[in-house]
Amino acid sequence: MKLILPTRDSRSDTAIGQEPTTAELDAIEAEMPLITAEVDLLDAQITTLDRLPNELDMRRIRRARRRVLAARRDLADRAATQPGGAA
Protein backbone atom coordinates (compact mmCIF):
# COMPACT_ATOMS: atom_id res chain seq x y z
CA MET A 1 0.00 0.00 0.00
CA LYS A 2 1.36 3.39 -1.00
CA LEU A 3 0.84 6.30 1.38
CA ILE A 4 0.02 9.68 -0.05
CA LEU A 5 1.50 12.39 2.12
CA PRO A 6 1.76 16.12 1.56
CA THR A 7 5.23 17.32 0.73
CA ARG A 8 4.70 20.69 2.39
CA ASP A 9 3.04 21.72 5.59
CA SER A 10 -0.23 23.51 4.86
CA ARG A 11 0.38 26.18 7.53
CA SER A 12 3.82 27.26 6.42
CA ASP A 13 6.15 27.07 3.49
CA THR A 14 8.56 24.64 5.15
CA ALA A 15 8.87 20.98 4.32
CA ILE A 16 7.43 18.50 6.80
CA GLY A 17 10.00 17.24 9.27
CA GLN A 18 12.26 20.24 8.84
CA GLU A 19 13.47 22.00 11.97
CA PRO A 20 12.14 25.49 12.77
CA THR A 21 14.22 28.38 11.57
CA THR A 22 16.07 30.70 13.89
CA ALA A 23 13.52 33.43 13.17
CA GLU A 24 10.66 31.12 14.15
CA LEU A 25 12.43 30.13 17.36
CA ASP A 26 13.08 33.80 18.14
CA ALA A 27 9.39 34.58 17.62
CA ILE A 28 8.40 31.80 20.01
CA GLU A 29 10.95 33.05 22.54
CA ALA A 30 9.54 36.58 22.30
CA GLU A 31 5.99 35.30 22.87
CA MET A 32 6.92 33.00 25.77
CA PRO A 33 5.89 35.45 28.57
CA LEU A 34 2.43 35.73 26.98
CA ILE A 35 2.17 31.96 26.57
CA THR A 36 3.13 31.43 30.21
CA ALA A 37 0.62 34.04 31.40
CA GLU A 38 -2.16 32.45 29.34
CA VAL A 39 -1.35 29.01 30.76
CA ASP A 40 -1.51 30.44 34.29
CA LEU A 41 -4.90 32.00 33.54
CA LEU A 42 -6.20 28.74 32.13
CA ASP A 43 -4.94 26.89 35.20
CA ALA A 44 -6.74 29.37 37.49
CA GLN A 45 -9.95 28.95 35.51
CA ILE A 46 -9.72 25.15 35.48
CA THR A 47 -9.48 25.01 39.26
CA THR A 48 -12.92 26.63 39.52
CA LEU A 49 -14.72 24.32 37.07
CA ASP A 50 -15.99 21.80 39.61
CA ARG A 51 -16.84 24.17 42.45
CA LEU A 52 -17.96 27.69 43.14
CA PRO A 53 -14.98 30.03 43.17
CA ASN A 54 -14.19 31.57 46.52
CA GLU A 55 -12.53 34.94 47.07
CA LEU A 56 -9.00 33.55 46.73
CA ASP A 57 -9.91 31.88 43.44
CA MET A 58 -11.35 35.13 42.11
CA ARG A 59 -8.19 37.01 43.11
CA ARG A 60 -6.03 34.42 41.38
CA ILE A 61 -8.09 34.72 38.19
CA ARG A 62 -7.98 38.54 38.28
CA ARG A 63 -4.21 38.53 38.76
CA ALA A 64 -3.76 36.04 35.94
CA ARG A 65 -5.93 38.17 33.63
CA ARG A 66 -3.84 41.24 34.47
CA ARG A 67 -0.63 39.32 33.71
CA VAL A 68 -2.05 38.25 30.33
CA LEU A 69 -3.03 41.82 29.48
CA ALA A 70 0.38 43.13 30.56
CA ALA A 71 2.18 40.48 28.50
CA ARG A 72 0.04 41.29 25.45
CA ARG A 73 0.75 45.00 25.90
CA ASP A 74 4.50 44.40 26.22
CA LEU A 75 4.51 42.17 23.14
CA ALA A 76 2.57 44.74 21.12
CA ASP A 77 4.88 47.53 22.29
CA ARG A 78 7.96 45.56 21.27
CA ALA A 79 6.47 44.77 17.86
CA ALA A 80 5.61 48.43 17.30
CA THR A 81 9.08 49.70 18.22
CA GLN A 82 11.07 47.13 16.25
CA PRO A 83 11.89 47.80 12.62
CA GLY A 84 9.38 46.05 10.43
CA GLY A 85 7.00 45.59 13.37
CA ALA A 86 3.28 46.12 13.23
CA ALA A 87 2.26 49.75 13.51
PDB file of N, CA and C in Angstrom:
ATOM      1  N   MET A   1       0.844  -1.169   0.000  1.00  0.00           N
ATOM      2  CA  MET A   1       0.000   0.000   0.000  1.00  0.00           C
ATOM      3  C   MET A   1       0.889   1.231   0.000  1.00  0.00           C
ATOM      4  N   LYS A   2       0.577   2.167  -0.871  1.00  0.00           N
ATOM      5  CA  LYS A   2       1.359   3.387  -0.999  1.00  0.00           C
ATOM      6  C   LYS A   2       0.662   4.518  -0.256  1.00  0.00           C
ATOM      7  N   LEU A   3       1.395   5.184   0.640  1.00  0.00           N
ATOM      8  CA  LEU A   3       0.845   6.303   1.382  1.00  0.00           C
ATOM      9  C   LEU A   3       0.995   7.583   0.580  1.00  0.00           C
ATOM     10  N   ILE A   4      -0.023   8.386   0.602  1.00  0.00           N
ATOM     11  CA  ILE A   4       0.017   9.683  -0.054  1.00  0.00           C
ATOM     12  C   ILE A   4       0.121  10.730   1.041  1.00  0.00           C
ATOM     13  N   LEU A   5       1.248  11.390   1.097  1.00  0.00           N
ATOM     14  CA  LEU A   5       1.498  12.391   2.124  1.00  0.00           C
ATOM     15  C   LEU A   5       1.800  13.729   1.468  1.00  0.00           C
ATOM     16  N   PRO A   6       1.413  14.812   2.127  1.00  0.00           N
ATOM     17  CA  PRO A   6       1.759  16.123   1.561  1.00  0.00           C
ATOM     18  C   PRO A   6       3.254  16.355   1.671  1.00  0.00           C
ATOM     19  N   THR A   7       3.801  17.042   0.693  1.00  0.00           N
ATOM     20  CA  THR A   7       5.230  17.324   0.728  1.00  0.00           C
ATOM     21  C   THR A   7       5.522  18.616   1.466  1.00  0.00           C
ATOM     22  N   ARG A   8       4.524  19.438   1.666  1.00  0.00           N
ATOM     23  CA  ARG A   8       4.701  20.693   2.390  1.00  0.00           C
ATOM     24  C   ARG A   8       3.631  20.809   3.461  1.00  0.00           C
ATOM     25  N   ASP A   9       3.990  21.460   4.527  1.00  0.00           N
ATOM     26  CA  ASP A   9       3.040  21.720   5.594  1.00  0.00           C
ATOM     27  C   ASP A   9       2.051  22.783   5.114  1.00  0.00           C
ATOM     28  N   SER A  10       0.787  22.581   5.364  1.00  0.00           N
ATOM     29  CA  SER A  10      -0.226  23.508   4.859  1.00  0.00           C
ATOM     30  C   SER A  10      -0.214  24.852   5.582  1.00  0.00           C
ATOM     31  N   ARG A  11       0.375  24.930   6.770  1.00  0.00           N
ATOM     32  CA  ARG A  11       0.382  26.175   7.528  1.00  0.00           C
ATOM     33  C   ARG A  11       1.603  27.029   7.268  1.00  0.00           C
ATOM     34  N   SER A  12       2.624  26.472   6.698  1.00  0.00           N
ATOM     35  CA  SER A  12       3.822  27.263   6.420  1.00  0.00           C
ATOM     36  C   SER A  12       4.447  26.773   5.122  1.00  0.00           C
ATOM     37  N   ASP A  13       5.505  27.411   4.748  1.00  0.00           N
ATOM     38  CA  ASP A  13       6.147  27.070   3.488  1.00  0.00           C
ATOM     39  C   ASP A  13       7.334  26.134   3.703  1.00  0.00           C
ATOM     40  N   THR A  14       7.441  25.525   4.876  1.00  0.00           N
ATOM     41  CA  THR A  14       8.564  24.639   5.148  1.00  0.00           C
ATOM     42  C   THR A  14       8.165  23.202   4.880  1.00  0.00           C
ATOM     43  N   ALA A  15       9.126  22.403   4.566  1.00  0.00           N
ATOM     44  CA  ALA A  15       8.868  20.983   4.322  1.00  0.00           C
ATOM     45  C   ALA A  15       8.578  20.290   5.642  1.00  0.00           C
ATOM     46  N   ILE A  16       7.777  19.246   5.583  1.00  0.00           N
ATOM     47  CA  ILE A  16       7.430  18.496   6.795  1.00  0.00           C
ATOM     48  C   ILE A  16       8.683  17.812   7.330  1.00  0.00           C
ATOM     49  N   GLY A  17       8.858  17.872   8.637  1.00  0.00           N
ATOM     50  CA  GLY A  17       9.997  17.236   9.272  1.00  0.00           C
ATOM     51  C   GLY A  17      11.210  18.143   9.368  1.00  0.00           C
ATOM     52  N   GLN A  18      11.147  19.313   8.779  1.00  0.00           N
ATOM     53  CA  GLN A  18      12.258  20.244   8.835  1.00  0.00           C
ATOM     54  C   GLN A  18      12.216  20.997  10.162  1.00  0.00           C
ATOM     55  N   GLU A  19      13.368  21.276  10.696  1.00  0.00           N
ATOM     56  CA  GLU A  19      13.466  21.998  11.969  1.00  0.00           C
ATOM     57  C   GLU A  19      13.013  23.446  11.792  1.00  0.00           C
ATOM     58  N   PRO A  20      12.515  24.077  12.869  1.00  0.00           N
ATOM     59  CA  PRO A  20      12.136  25.492  12.770  1.00  0.00           C
ATOM     60  C   PRO A  20      13.363  26.366  12.530  1.00  0.00           C
ATOM     61  N   THR A  21      13.120  27.462  11.849  1.00  0.00           N
ATOM     62  CA  THR A  21      14.221  28.378  11.570  1.00  0.00           C
ATOM     63  C   THR A  21      14.555  29.186  12.820  1.00  0.00           C
ATOM     64  N   THR A  22      15.668  29.860  12.763  1.00  0.00           N
ATOM     65  CA  THR A  22      16.073  30.705  13.886  1.00  0.00           C
ATOM     66  C   THR A  22      15.056  31.810  14.116  1.00  0.00           C
ATOM     67  N   ALA A  23      14.519  32.363  13.032  1.00  0.00           N
ATOM     68  CA  ALA A  23      13.518  33.427  13.167  1.00  0.00           C
ATOM     69  C   ALA A  23      12.255  32.910  13.853  1.00  0.00           C
ATOM     70  N   GLU A  24      11.843  31.701  13.506  1.00  0.00           N
ATOM     71  CA  GLU A  24      10.663  31.118  14.149  1.00  0.00           C
ATOM     72  C   GLU A  24      10.916  30.851  15.627  1.00  0.00           C
ATOM     73  N   LEU A  25      12.088  30.362  15.951  1.00  0.00           N
ATOM     74  CA  LEU A  25      12.427  30.128  17.359  1.00  0.00           C
ATOM     75  C   LEU A  25      12.505  31.441  18.131  1.00  0.00           C
ATOM     76  N   ASP A  26      13.031  32.489  17.500  1.00  0.00           N
ATOM     77  CA  ASP A  26      13.083  33.804  18.142  1.00  0.00           C
ATOM     78  C   ASP A  26      11.681  34.353  18.391  1.00  0.00           C
ATOM     79  N   ALA A  27      10.767  34.121  17.449  1.00  0.00           N
ATOM     80  CA  ALA A  27       9.386  34.585  17.617  1.00  0.00           C
ATOM     81  C   ALA A  27       8.714  33.859  18.783  1.00  0.00           C
ATOM     82  N   ILE A  28       8.960  32.571  18.893  1.00  0.00           N
ATOM     83  CA  ILE A  28       8.401  31.802  20.012  1.00  0.00           C
ATOM     84  C   ILE A  28       8.990  32.301  21.329  1.00  0.00           C
ATOM     85  N   GLU A  29      10.286  32.549  21.326  1.00  0.00           N
ATOM     86  CA  GLU A  29      10.950  33.054  22.537  1.00  0.00           C
ATOM     87  C   GLU A  29      10.376  34.407  22.956  1.00  0.00           C
ATOM     88  N   ALA A  30      10.089  35.261  21.982  1.00  0.00           N
ATOM     89  CA  ALA A  30       9.536  36.579  22.297  1.00  0.00           C
ATOM     90  C   ALA A  30       8.125  36.469  22.849  1.00  0.00           C
ATOM     91  N   GLU A  31       7.372  35.471  22.420  1.00  0.00           N
ATOM     92  CA  GLU A  31       5.987  35.297  22.869  1.00  0.00           C
ATOM     93  C   GLU A  31       5.869  34.442  24.134  1.00  0.00           C
ATOM     94  N   MET A  32       6.965  33.901  24.626  1.00  0.00           N
ATOM     95  CA  MET A  32       6.917  32.996  25.773  1.00  0.00           C
ATOM     96  C   MET A  32       6.309  33.623  27.029  1.00  0.00           C
ATOM     97  N   PRO A  33       6.562  34.884  27.385  1.00  0.00           N
ATOM     98  CA  PRO A  33       5.888  35.447  28.565  1.00  0.00           C
ATOM     99  C   PRO A  33       4.365  35.464  28.413  1.00  0.00           C
ATOM    100  N   LEU A  34       3.874  35.751  27.217  1.00  0.00           N
ATOM    101  CA  LEU A  34       2.434  35.731  26.979  1.00  0.00           C
ATOM    102  C   LEU A  34       1.894  34.312  27.078  1.00  0.00           C
ATOM    103  N   ILE A  35       2.604  33.362  26.513  1.00  0.00           N
ATOM    104  CA  ILE A  35       2.165  31.962  26.567  1.00  0.00           C
ATOM    105  C   ILE A  35       2.097  31.490  28.010  1.00  0.00           C
ATOM    106  N   THR A  36       3.100  31.820  28.803  1.00  0.00           N
ATOM    107  CA  THR A  36       3.126  31.430  30.214  1.00  0.00           C
ATOM    108  C   THR A  36       1.975  32.073  30.980  1.00  0.00           C
ATOM    109  N   ALA A  37       1.717  33.353  30.717  1.00  0.00           N
ATOM    110  CA  ALA A  37       0.623  34.037  31.399  1.00  0.00           C
ATOM    111  C   ALA A  37      -0.728  33.432  31.021  1.00  0.00           C
ATOM    112  N   GLU A  38      -0.901  33.063  29.764  1.00  0.00           N
ATOM    113  CA  GLU A  38      -2.161  32.451  29.341  1.00  0.00           C
ATOM    114  C   GLU A  38      -2.350  31.072  29.957  1.00  0.00           C
ATOM    115  N   VAL A  39      -1.267  30.319  30.102  1.00  0.00           N
ATOM    116  CA  VAL A  39      -1.349  29.006  30.756  1.00  0.00           C
ATOM    117  C   VAL A  39      -1.730  29.176  32.222  1.00  0.00           C
ATOM    118  N   ASP A  40      -1.165  30.178  32.892  1.00  0.00           N
ATOM    119  CA  ASP A  40      -1.507  30.444  34.289  1.00  0.00           C
ATOM    120  C   ASP A  40      -2.981  30.821  34.435  1.00  0.00           C
ATOM    121  N   LEU A  41      -3.492  31.637  33.507  1.00  0.00           N
ATOM    122  CA  LEU A  41      -4.904  32.003  33.540  1.00  0.00           C
ATOM    123  C   LEU A  41      -5.781  30.776  33.330  1.00  0.00           C
ATOM    124  N   LEU A  42      -5.425  29.956  32.384  1.00  0.00           N
ATOM    125  CA  LEU A  42      -6.198  28.742  32.134  1.00  0.00           C
ATOM    126  C   LEU A  42      -6.186  27.818  33.345  1.00  0.00           C
ATOM    127  N   ASP A  43      -5.045  27.713  33.998  1.00  0.00           N
ATOM    128  CA  ASP A  43      -4.942  26.893  35.200  1.00  0.00           C
ATOM    129  C   ASP A  43      -5.849  27.430  36.306  1.00  0.00           C
ATOM    130  N   ALA A  44      -5.877  28.756  36.465  1.00  0.00           N
ATOM    131  CA  ALA A  44      -6.742  29.365  37.486  1.00  0.00           C
ATOM    132  C   ALA A  44      -8.213  29.126  37.163  1.00  0.00           C
ATOM    133  N   GLN A  45      -8.567  29.183  35.898  1.00  0.00           N
ATOM    134  CA  GLN A  45      -9.954  28.951  35.507  1.00  0.00           C
ATOM    135  C   GLN A  45     -10.345  27.482  35.661  1.00  0.00           C
ATOM    136  N   ILE A  46      -9.427  26.581  35.366  1.00  0.00           N
ATOM    137  CA  ILE A  46      -9.720  25.150  35.480  1.00  0.00           C
ATOM    138  C   ILE A  46      -9.988  24.756  36.923  1.00  0.00           C
ATOM    139  N   THR A  47      -9.281  25.381  37.856  1.00  0.00           N
ATOM    140  CA  THR A  47      -9.485  25.014  39.264  1.00  0.00           C
ATOM    141  C   THR A  47     -10.888  25.332  39.750  1.00  0.00           C
ATOM    142  N   THR A  48     -11.579  26.241  39.075  1.00  0.00           N
ATOM    143  CA  THR A  48     -12.922  26.628  39.520  1.00  0.00           C
ATOM    144  C   THR A  48     -14.032  25.929  38.740  1.00  0.00           C
ATOM    145  N   LEU A  49     -13.695  24.978  37.882  1.00  0.00           N
ATOM    146  CA  LEU A  49     -14.722  24.324  37.069  1.00  0.00           C
ATOM    147  C   LEU A  49     -15.673  23.450  37.886  1.00  0.00           C
ATOM    148  N   ASP A  50     -15.161  22.765  38.884  1.00  0.00           N
ATOM    149  CA  ASP A  50     -15.989  21.802  39.608  1.00  0.00           C
ATOM    150  C   ASP A  50     -16.535  22.328  40.933  1.00  0.00           C
ATOM    151  N   ARG A  51     -16.324  23.594  41.207  1.00  0.00           N
ATOM    152  CA  ARG A  51     -16.841  24.172  42.448  1.00  0.00           C
ATOM    153  C   ARG A  51     -17.066  25.661  42.267  1.00  0.00           C
ATOM    154  N   LEU A  52     -17.775  26.244  43.178  1.00  0.00           N
ATOM    155  CA  LEU A  52     -17.964  27.686  43.140  1.00  0.00           C
ATOM    156  C   LEU A  52     -16.666  28.370  43.553  1.00  0.00           C
ATOM    157  N   PRO A  53     -16.237  29.363  42.806  1.00  0.00           N
ATOM    158  CA  PRO A  53     -14.983  30.032  43.169  1.00  0.00           C
ATOM    159  C   PRO A  53     -15.146  30.856  44.441  1.00  0.00           C
ATOM    160  N   ASN A  54     -14.172  30.740  45.321  1.00  0.00           N
ATOM    161  CA  ASN A  54     -14.187  31.572  46.525  1.00  0.00           C
ATOM    162  C   ASN A  54     -13.383  32.840  46.258  1.00  0.00           C
ATOM    163  N   GLU A  55     -13.205  33.656  47.252  1.00  0.00           N
ATOM    164  CA  GLU A  55     -12.531  34.936  47.068  1.00  0.00           C
ATOM    165  C   GLU A  55     -11.081  34.770  46.614  1.00  0.00           C
ATOM    166  N   LEU A  56     -10.386  33.784  47.141  1.00  0.00           N
ATOM    167  CA  LEU A  56      -8.999  33.553  46.727  1.00  0.00           C
ATOM    168  C   LEU A  56      -8.922  33.118  45.269  1.00  0.00           C
ATOM    169  N   ASP A  57      -9.868  32.286  44.837  1.00  0.00           N
ATOM    170  CA  ASP A  57      -9.908  31.876  43.436  1.00  0.00           C
ATOM    171  C   ASP A  57     -10.140  33.080  42.524  1.00  0.00           C
ATOM    172  N   MET A  58     -11.048  33.952  42.924  1.00  0.00           N
ATOM    173  CA  MET A  58     -11.345  35.128  42.114  1.00  0.00           C
ATOM    174  C   MET A  58     -10.125  36.060  42.031  1.00  0.00           C
ATOM    175  N   ARG A  59      -9.409  36.203  43.128  1.00  0.00           N
ATOM    176  CA  ARG A  59      -8.188  37.014  43.110  1.00  0.00           C
ATOM    177  C   ARG A  59      -7.153  36.420  42.173  1.00  0.00           C
ATOM    178  N   ARG A  60      -7.000  35.102  42.239  1.00  0.00           N
ATOM    179  CA  ARG A  60      -6.030  34.419  41.378  1.00  0.00           C
ATOM    180  C   ARG A  60      -6.378  34.618  39.906  1.00  0.00           C
ATOM    181  N   ILE A  61      -7.657  34.525  39.575  1.00  0.00           N
ATOM    182  CA  ILE A  61      -8.088  34.720  38.190  1.00  0.00           C
ATOM    183  C   ILE A  61      -7.856  36.166  37.759  1.00  0.00           C
ATOM    184  N   ARG A  62      -8.194  37.124  38.631  1.00  0.00           N
ATOM    185  CA  ARG A  62      -7.981  38.535  38.283  1.00  0.00           C
ATOM    186  C   ARG A  62      -6.508  38.840  38.055  1.00  0.00           C
ATOM    187  N   ARG A  63      -5.646  38.312  38.922  1.00  0.00           N
ATOM    188  CA  ARG A  63      -4.207  38.532  38.761  1.00  0.00           C
ATOM    189  C   ARG A  63      -3.703  37.907  37.470  1.00  0.00           C
ATOM    190  N   ALA A  64      -4.179  36.713  37.171  1.00  0.00           N
ATOM    191  CA  ALA A  64      -3.757  36.042  35.942  1.00  0.00           C
ATOM    192  C   ALA A  64      -4.224  36.822  34.713  1.00  0.00           C
ATOM    193  N   ARG A  65      -5.441  37.358  34.758  1.00  0.00           N
ATOM    194  CA  ARG A  65      -5.925  38.174  33.633  1.00  0.00           C
ATOM    195  C   ARG A  65      -5.067  39.411  33.453  1.00  0.00           C
ATOM    196  N   ARG A  66      -4.694  40.051  34.561  1.00  0.00           N
ATOM    197  CA  ARG A  66      -3.842  41.239  34.472  1.00  0.00           C
ATOM    198  C   ARG A  66      -2.476  40.902  33.893  1.00  0.00           C
ATOM    199  N   ARG A  67      -1.923  39.734  34.268  1.00  0.00           N
ATOM    200  CA  ARG A  67      -0.635  39.323  33.710  1.00  0.00           C
ATOM    201  C   ARG A  67      -0.737  39.069  32.212  1.00  0.00           C
ATOM    202  N   VAL A  68      -1.854  38.473  31.771  1.00  0.00           N
ATOM    203  CA  VAL A  68      -2.054  38.247  30.330  1.00  0.00           C
ATOM    204  C   VAL A  68      -2.132  39.580  29.600  1.00  0.00           C
ATOM    205  N   LEU A  69      -2.901  40.513  30.131  1.00  0.00           N
ATOM    206  CA  LEU A  69      -3.028  41.820  29.483  1.00  0.00           C
ATOM    207  C   LEU A  69      -1.685  42.553  29.441  1.00  0.00           C
ATOM    208  N   ALA A  70      -0.931  42.468  30.522  1.00  0.00           N
ATOM    209  CA  ALA A  70       0.377  43.130  30.557  1.00  0.00           C
ATOM    210  C   ALA A  70       1.333  42.480  29.555  1.00  0.00           C
ATOM    211  N   ALA A  71       1.303  41.161  29.455  1.00  0.00           N
ATOM    212  CA  ALA A  71       2.177  40.476  28.499  1.00  0.00           C
ATOM    213  C   ALA A  71       1.784  40.808  27.064  1.00  0.00           C
ATOM    214  N   ARG A  72       0.484  40.900  26.797  1.00  0.00           N
ATOM    215  CA  ARG A  72       0.038  41.288  25.452  1.00  0.00           C
ATOM    216  C   ARG A  72       0.469  42.718  25.123  1.00  0.00           C
ATOM    217  N   ARG A  73       0.334  43.612  26.102  1.00  0.00           N
ATOM    218  CA  ARG A  73       0.748  44.999  25.903  1.00  0.00           C
ATOM    219  C   ARG A  73       2.246  45.080  25.619  1.00  0.00           C
ATOM    220  N   ASP A  74       3.048  44.376  26.419  1.00  0.00           N
ATOM    221  CA  ASP A  74       4.499  44.397  26.220  1.00  0.00           C
ATOM    222  C   ASP A  74       4.884  43.846  24.852  1.00  0.00           C
ATOM    223  N   LEU A  75       4.224  42.766  24.440  1.00  0.00           N
ATOM    224  CA  LEU A  75       4.511  42.171  23.140  1.00  0.00           C
ATOM    225  C   LEU A  75       4.135  43.123  22.010  1.00  0.00           C
ATOM    226  N   ALA A  76       2.996  43.782  22.139  1.00  0.00           N
ATOM    227  CA  ALA A  76       2.567  44.745  21.116  1.00  0.00           C
ATOM    228  C   ALA A  76       3.503  45.951  21.082  1.00  0.00           C
ATOM    229  N   ASP A  77       3.953  46.407  22.244  1.00  0.00           N
ATOM    230  CA  ASP A  77       4.884  47.534  22.292  1.00  0.00           C
ATOM    231  C   ASP A  77       6.207  47.188  21.624  1.00  0.00           C
ATOM    232  N   ARG A  78       6.707  45.981  21.893  1.00  0.00           N
ATOM    233  CA  ARG A  78       7.960  45.559  21.274  1.00  0.00           C
ATOM    234  C   ARG A  78       7.816  45.444  19.763  1.00  0.00           C
ATOM    235  N   ALA A  79       6.689  44.917  19.302  1.00  0.00           N
ATOM    236  CA  ALA A  79       6.473  44.773  17.863  1.00  0.00           C
ATOM    237  C   ALA A  79       6.362  46.128  17.193  1.00  0.00           C
ATOM    238  N   ALA A  80       5.785  47.098  17.886  1.00  0.00           N
ATOM    239  CA  ALA A  80       5.607  48.430  17.298  1.00  0.00           C
ATOM    240  C   ALA A  80       6.920  49.200  17.246  1.00  0.00           C
ATOM    241  N   THR A  81       7.825  48.943  18.174  1.00  0.00           N
ATOM    242  CA  THR A  81       9.082  49.699  18.215  1.00  0.00           C
ATOM    243  C   THR A  81      10.189  49.059  17.391  1.00  0.00           C
ATOM    244  N   GLN A  82      10.047  47.786  17.048  1.00  0.00           N
ATOM    245  CA  GLN A  82      11.074  47.130  16.253  1.00  0.00           C
ATOM    246  C   GLN A  82      10.902  47.471  14.782  1.00  0.00           C
ATOM    247  N   PRO A  83      12.002  47.547  14.052  1.00  0.00           N
ATOM    248  CA  PRO A  83      11.887  47.803  12.616  1.00  0.00           C
ATOM    249  C   PRO A  83      11.125  46.680  11.933  1.00  0.00           C
ATOM    250  N   GLY A  84      10.186  47.045  11.115  1.00  0.00           N
ATOM    251  CA  GLY A  84       9.376  46.051  10.429  1.00  0.00           C
ATOM    252  C   GLY A  84       8.250  45.509  11.267  1.00  0.00           C
ATOM    253  N   GLY A  85       8.074  46.046  12.484  1.00  0.00           N
ATOM    254  CA  GLY A  85       7.002  45.592  13.368  1.00  0.00           C
ATOM    255  C   GLY A  85       5.668  46.174  12.954  1.00  0.00           C
ATOM    256  N   ALA A  86       4.619  45.633  13.534  1.00  0.00           N
ATOM    257  CA  ALA A  86       3.280  46.121  13.227  1.00  0.00           C
ATOM    258  C   ALA A  86       3.102  47.518  13.797  1.00  0.00           C
ATOM    259  N   ALA A  87       2.479  48.382  13.045  1.00  0.00           N
ATOM    260  CA  ALA A  87       2.261  49.752  13.511  1.00  0.00           C
ATOM    261  C   ALA A  87       0.864  49.943  14.010  1.00  0.00           C
TER     262      ALA A  87
END
